[in-house]
């Protein structure tokens, strides 16, 4: 899933109800100057890493960094 989140006039970000339902009331945010990740405070970090690896593959596909070739029965 992907959401666009914009800050309000005071610079606060509003996290939609759907995201809050998935992650709960306490979250962690890890980021650098290009990307970030939000995950539940009590998340298993191994599961977070595995999930991020899937998301990275999806981003690579969308960025054209890898191609998806489907071969038919030959």
N, C-alpha and C. Protein backbone atom coordinates (compact mmCIF):
# COMPACT_ATOMS: atom_id res chain seq x y z
N UNK A 1 0.83 -1.17 0.00
CA UNK A 1 0.00 0.00 0.00
C UNK A 1 0.88 1.24 0.00
N UNK A 2 0.32 2.29 -0.51
CA UNK A 2 1.04 3.55 -0.53
C UNK A 2 0.04 4.67 -0.29
N UNK A 3 0.40 5.60 0.58
CA UNK A 3 -0.45 6.74 0.89
C UNK A 3 0.38 8.01 0.76
N UNK A 4 -0.26 9.07 0.32
CA UNK A 4 0.36 10.39 0.37
C UNK A 4 -0.11 11.06 1.64
N UNK A 5 0.82 11.53 2.42
CA UNK A 5 0.49 12.20 3.68
C UNK A 5 1.09 13.59 3.62
N UNK A 6 0.25 14.59 3.82
CA UNK A 6 0.70 15.98 3.78
C UNK A 6 0.60 16.59 5.18
N UNK A 7 1.46 17.53 5.43
CA UNK A 7 1.39 18.19 6.73
C UNK A 7 0.33 19.29 6.70
N UNK A 8 -0.24 19.51 7.86
CA UNK A 8 -1.23 20.56 8.01
C UNK A 8 -0.56 21.92 8.18
N UNK A 9 -1.36 22.97 8.42
CA UNK A 9 -0.82 24.32 8.53
C UNK A 9 0.20 24.49 9.66
N UNK A 10 0.09 23.67 10.70
CA UNK A 10 1.04 23.77 11.82
C UNK A 10 2.24 22.84 11.65
N UNK A 11 2.31 22.14 10.52
CA UNK A 11 3.43 21.25 10.26
C UNK A 11 3.26 19.85 10.80
N UNK A 12 2.08 19.53 11.31
CA UNK A 12 1.82 18.19 11.84
C UNK A 12 1.32 17.28 10.72
N UNK A 13 1.70 16.03 10.80
CA UNK A 13 1.24 15.04 9.84
C UNK A 13 0.06 14.27 10.42
N UNK A 14 -0.95 14.06 9.62
CA UNK A 14 -2.11 13.29 10.04
C UNK A 14 -1.98 11.87 9.50
N UNK A 15 -1.97 10.91 10.37
CA UNK A 15 -1.90 9.50 9.99
C UNK A 15 -3.34 8.99 9.90
N UNK A 16 -3.71 8.48 8.75
CA UNK A 16 -5.09 8.06 8.53
C UNK A 16 -5.50 6.93 9.48
N UNK A 17 -6.80 6.80 9.67
CA UNK A 17 -7.35 5.79 10.57
C UNK A 17 -6.92 4.39 10.15
N UNK A 18 -6.91 4.12 8.85
CA UNK A 18 -6.54 2.79 8.37
C UNK A 18 -5.11 2.44 8.80
N UNK A 19 -4.21 3.38 8.69
CA UNK A 19 -2.82 3.13 9.10
C UNK A 19 -2.74 2.95 10.60
N UNK A 20 -3.46 3.77 11.36
CA UNK A 20 -3.45 3.64 12.83
C UNK A 20 -4.00 2.29 13.26
N UNK A 21 -5.01 1.78 12.54
CA UNK A 21 -5.58 0.47 12.88
C UNK A 21 -4.56 -0.64 12.65
N UNK A 22 -3.75 -0.50 11.62
CA UNK A 22 -2.74 -1.53 11.31
C UNK A 22 -1.58 -1.48 12.30
N UNK A 23 -1.08 -0.28 12.59
CA UNK A 23 0.12 -0.14 13.39
C UNK A 23 -0.12 0.06 14.88
N UNK A 24 -1.32 0.41 15.28
CA UNK A 24 -1.60 0.62 16.69
C UNK A 24 -1.31 2.05 17.10
N UNK A 25 -1.42 2.30 18.40
CA UNK A 25 -1.31 3.67 18.90
C UNK A 25 0.13 4.12 19.15
N UNK A 26 1.07 3.18 19.20
CA UNK A 26 2.48 3.54 19.41
C UNK A 26 3.31 2.99 18.27
N UNK A 27 3.98 3.89 17.57
CA UNK A 27 4.77 3.49 16.41
C UNK A 27 6.19 4.00 16.55
N UNK A 28 7.06 3.42 15.74
CA UNK A 28 8.44 3.89 15.63
C UNK A 28 8.65 4.34 14.19
N UNK A 29 9.47 5.35 14.03
CA UNK A 29 9.82 5.87 12.72
C UNK A 29 11.33 5.89 12.63
N UNK A 30 11.87 5.20 11.64
CA UNK A 30 13.31 5.23 11.38
C UNK A 30 13.48 5.83 9.99
N UNK A 31 14.42 6.76 9.85
CA UNK A 31 14.55 7.42 8.55
C UNK A 31 15.96 7.95 8.35
N UNK A 32 16.26 8.26 7.10
CA UNK A 32 17.46 9.01 6.75
C UNK A 32 17.01 10.15 5.85
N UNK A 33 17.89 10.71 5.05
CA UNK A 33 17.50 11.87 4.26
C UNK A 33 16.72 11.53 2.98
N UNK A 34 16.53 10.26 2.67
CA UNK A 34 15.81 9.87 1.46
C UNK A 34 14.60 8.97 1.68
N UNK A 35 14.56 8.27 2.78
CA UNK A 35 13.48 7.30 2.99
C UNK A 35 13.26 7.07 4.48
N UNK A 36 12.12 6.46 4.77
CA UNK A 36 11.81 6.13 6.15
C UNK A 36 10.91 4.93 6.23
N UNK A 37 10.79 4.41 7.42
CA UNK A 37 9.93 3.26 7.67
C UNK A 37 9.19 3.49 8.99
N UNK A 38 7.91 3.16 8.98
CA UNK A 38 7.09 3.23 10.19
C UNK A 38 6.69 1.80 10.53
N UNK A 39 6.80 1.45 11.80
CA UNK A 39 6.40 0.11 12.22
C UNK A 39 5.91 0.17 13.67
N UNK A 40 5.10 -0.82 14.07
CA UNK A 40 4.60 -0.83 15.44
C UNK A 40 5.75 -0.89 16.44
N UNK A 41 5.59 -0.24 17.56
CA UNK A 41 6.65 -0.19 18.57
C UNK A 41 7.07 -1.59 19.02
N UNK A 42 6.14 -2.51 19.11
CA UNK A 42 6.45 -3.86 19.60
C UNK A 42 6.72 -4.85 18.46
N UNK A 43 7.01 -4.36 17.27
CA UNK A 43 7.20 -5.23 16.11
C UNK A 43 8.45 -6.09 16.25
N UNK A 44 8.38 -7.27 15.68
CA UNK A 44 9.55 -8.14 15.57
C UNK A 44 10.42 -7.55 14.45
N UNK A 45 11.63 -7.13 14.77
CA UNK A 45 12.47 -6.46 13.78
C UNK A 45 12.85 -7.36 12.61
N UNK A 46 12.94 -8.65 12.84
CA UNK A 46 13.22 -9.57 11.73
C UNK A 46 12.07 -9.54 10.72
N UNK A 47 10.84 -9.49 11.23
CA UNK A 47 9.68 -9.42 10.34
C UNK A 47 9.63 -8.07 9.61
N UNK A 48 10.04 -7.01 10.29
CA UNK A 48 10.10 -5.70 9.64
C UNK A 48 11.10 -5.73 8.50
N UNK A 49 12.27 -6.30 8.73
CA UNK A 49 13.31 -6.39 7.70
C UNK A 49 12.80 -7.21 6.51
N UNK A 50 12.17 -8.35 6.76
CA UNK A 50 11.63 -9.17 5.67
C UNK A 50 10.59 -8.40 4.87
N UNK A 51 9.73 -7.68 5.55
CA UNK A 51 8.72 -6.88 4.88
C UNK A 51 9.36 -5.78 4.04
N UNK A 52 10.40 -5.15 4.57
CA UNK A 52 11.09 -4.11 3.83
C UNK A 52 11.78 -4.66 2.59
N UNK A 53 12.30 -5.87 2.66
CA UNK A 53 12.94 -6.48 1.50
C UNK A 53 11.93 -6.65 0.36
N UNK A 54 10.71 -7.03 0.69
CA UNK A 54 9.65 -7.15 -0.31
C UNK A 54 9.32 -5.78 -0.89
N UNK A 55 9.22 -4.79 -0.01
CA UNK A 55 8.91 -3.44 -0.48
C UNK A 55 10.03 -2.88 -1.37
N UNK A 56 11.27 -3.19 -1.06
CA UNK A 56 12.40 -2.73 -1.88
C UNK A 56 12.33 -3.36 -3.26
N UNK A 57 11.99 -4.63 -3.34
CA UNK A 57 11.83 -5.27 -4.64
C UNK A 57 10.74 -4.58 -5.46
N UNK A 58 9.63 -4.25 -4.82
CA UNK A 58 8.55 -3.55 -5.50
C UNK A 58 9.02 -2.18 -6.00
N UNK A 59 9.75 -1.45 -5.16
CA UNK A 59 10.27 -0.14 -5.58
C UNK A 59 11.24 -0.27 -6.74
N UNK A 60 12.08 -1.29 -6.72
CA UNK A 60 13.02 -1.51 -7.82
C UNK A 60 12.27 -1.78 -9.12
N UNK A 61 11.20 -2.56 -9.05
CA UNK A 61 10.39 -2.82 -10.25
C UNK A 61 9.80 -1.52 -10.78
N UNK A 62 9.23 -0.72 -9.90
CA UNK A 62 8.61 0.53 -10.32
C UNK A 62 9.62 1.55 -10.83
N UNK A 63 10.84 1.50 -10.32
CA UNK A 63 11.88 2.42 -10.74
C UNK A 63 12.58 1.95 -12.01
N UNK A 64 12.21 0.76 -12.48
CA UNK A 64 12.83 0.22 -13.68
C UNK A 64 14.23 -0.32 -13.46
N UNK A 65 14.56 -0.59 -12.20
CA UNK A 65 15.89 -1.10 -11.88
C UNK A 65 16.00 -2.59 -12.15
N UNK A 66 14.88 -3.27 -12.15
CA UNK A 66 14.85 -4.69 -12.51
C UNK A 66 13.65 -4.90 -13.41
N UNK A 67 13.73 -5.88 -14.25
CA UNK A 67 12.60 -6.16 -15.13
C UNK A 67 11.99 -7.50 -14.75
N UNK A 68 10.73 -7.61 -15.05
CA UNK A 68 10.01 -8.85 -14.77
C UNK A 68 9.71 -9.51 -16.08
N UNK A 69 10.40 -10.58 -16.37
CA UNK A 69 10.19 -11.29 -17.62
C UNK A 69 9.32 -12.51 -17.33
N UNK A 70 8.26 -12.62 -18.11
CA UNK A 70 7.38 -13.77 -17.99
C UNK A 70 7.58 -14.60 -19.24
N UNK A 71 8.02 -15.81 -19.06
CA UNK A 71 8.24 -16.71 -20.19
C UNK A 71 7.10 -17.69 -20.29
N UNK A 72 6.62 -17.87 -21.48
CA UNK A 72 5.53 -18.83 -21.70
C UNK A 72 6.08 -20.22 -21.82
N UNK A 73 5.19 -21.17 -21.96
CA UNK A 73 5.62 -22.56 -22.16
C UNK A 73 6.20 -22.70 -23.54
N UNK A 74 7.44 -23.09 -23.60
CA UNK A 74 8.11 -23.23 -24.90
C UNK A 74 8.29 -24.67 -25.24
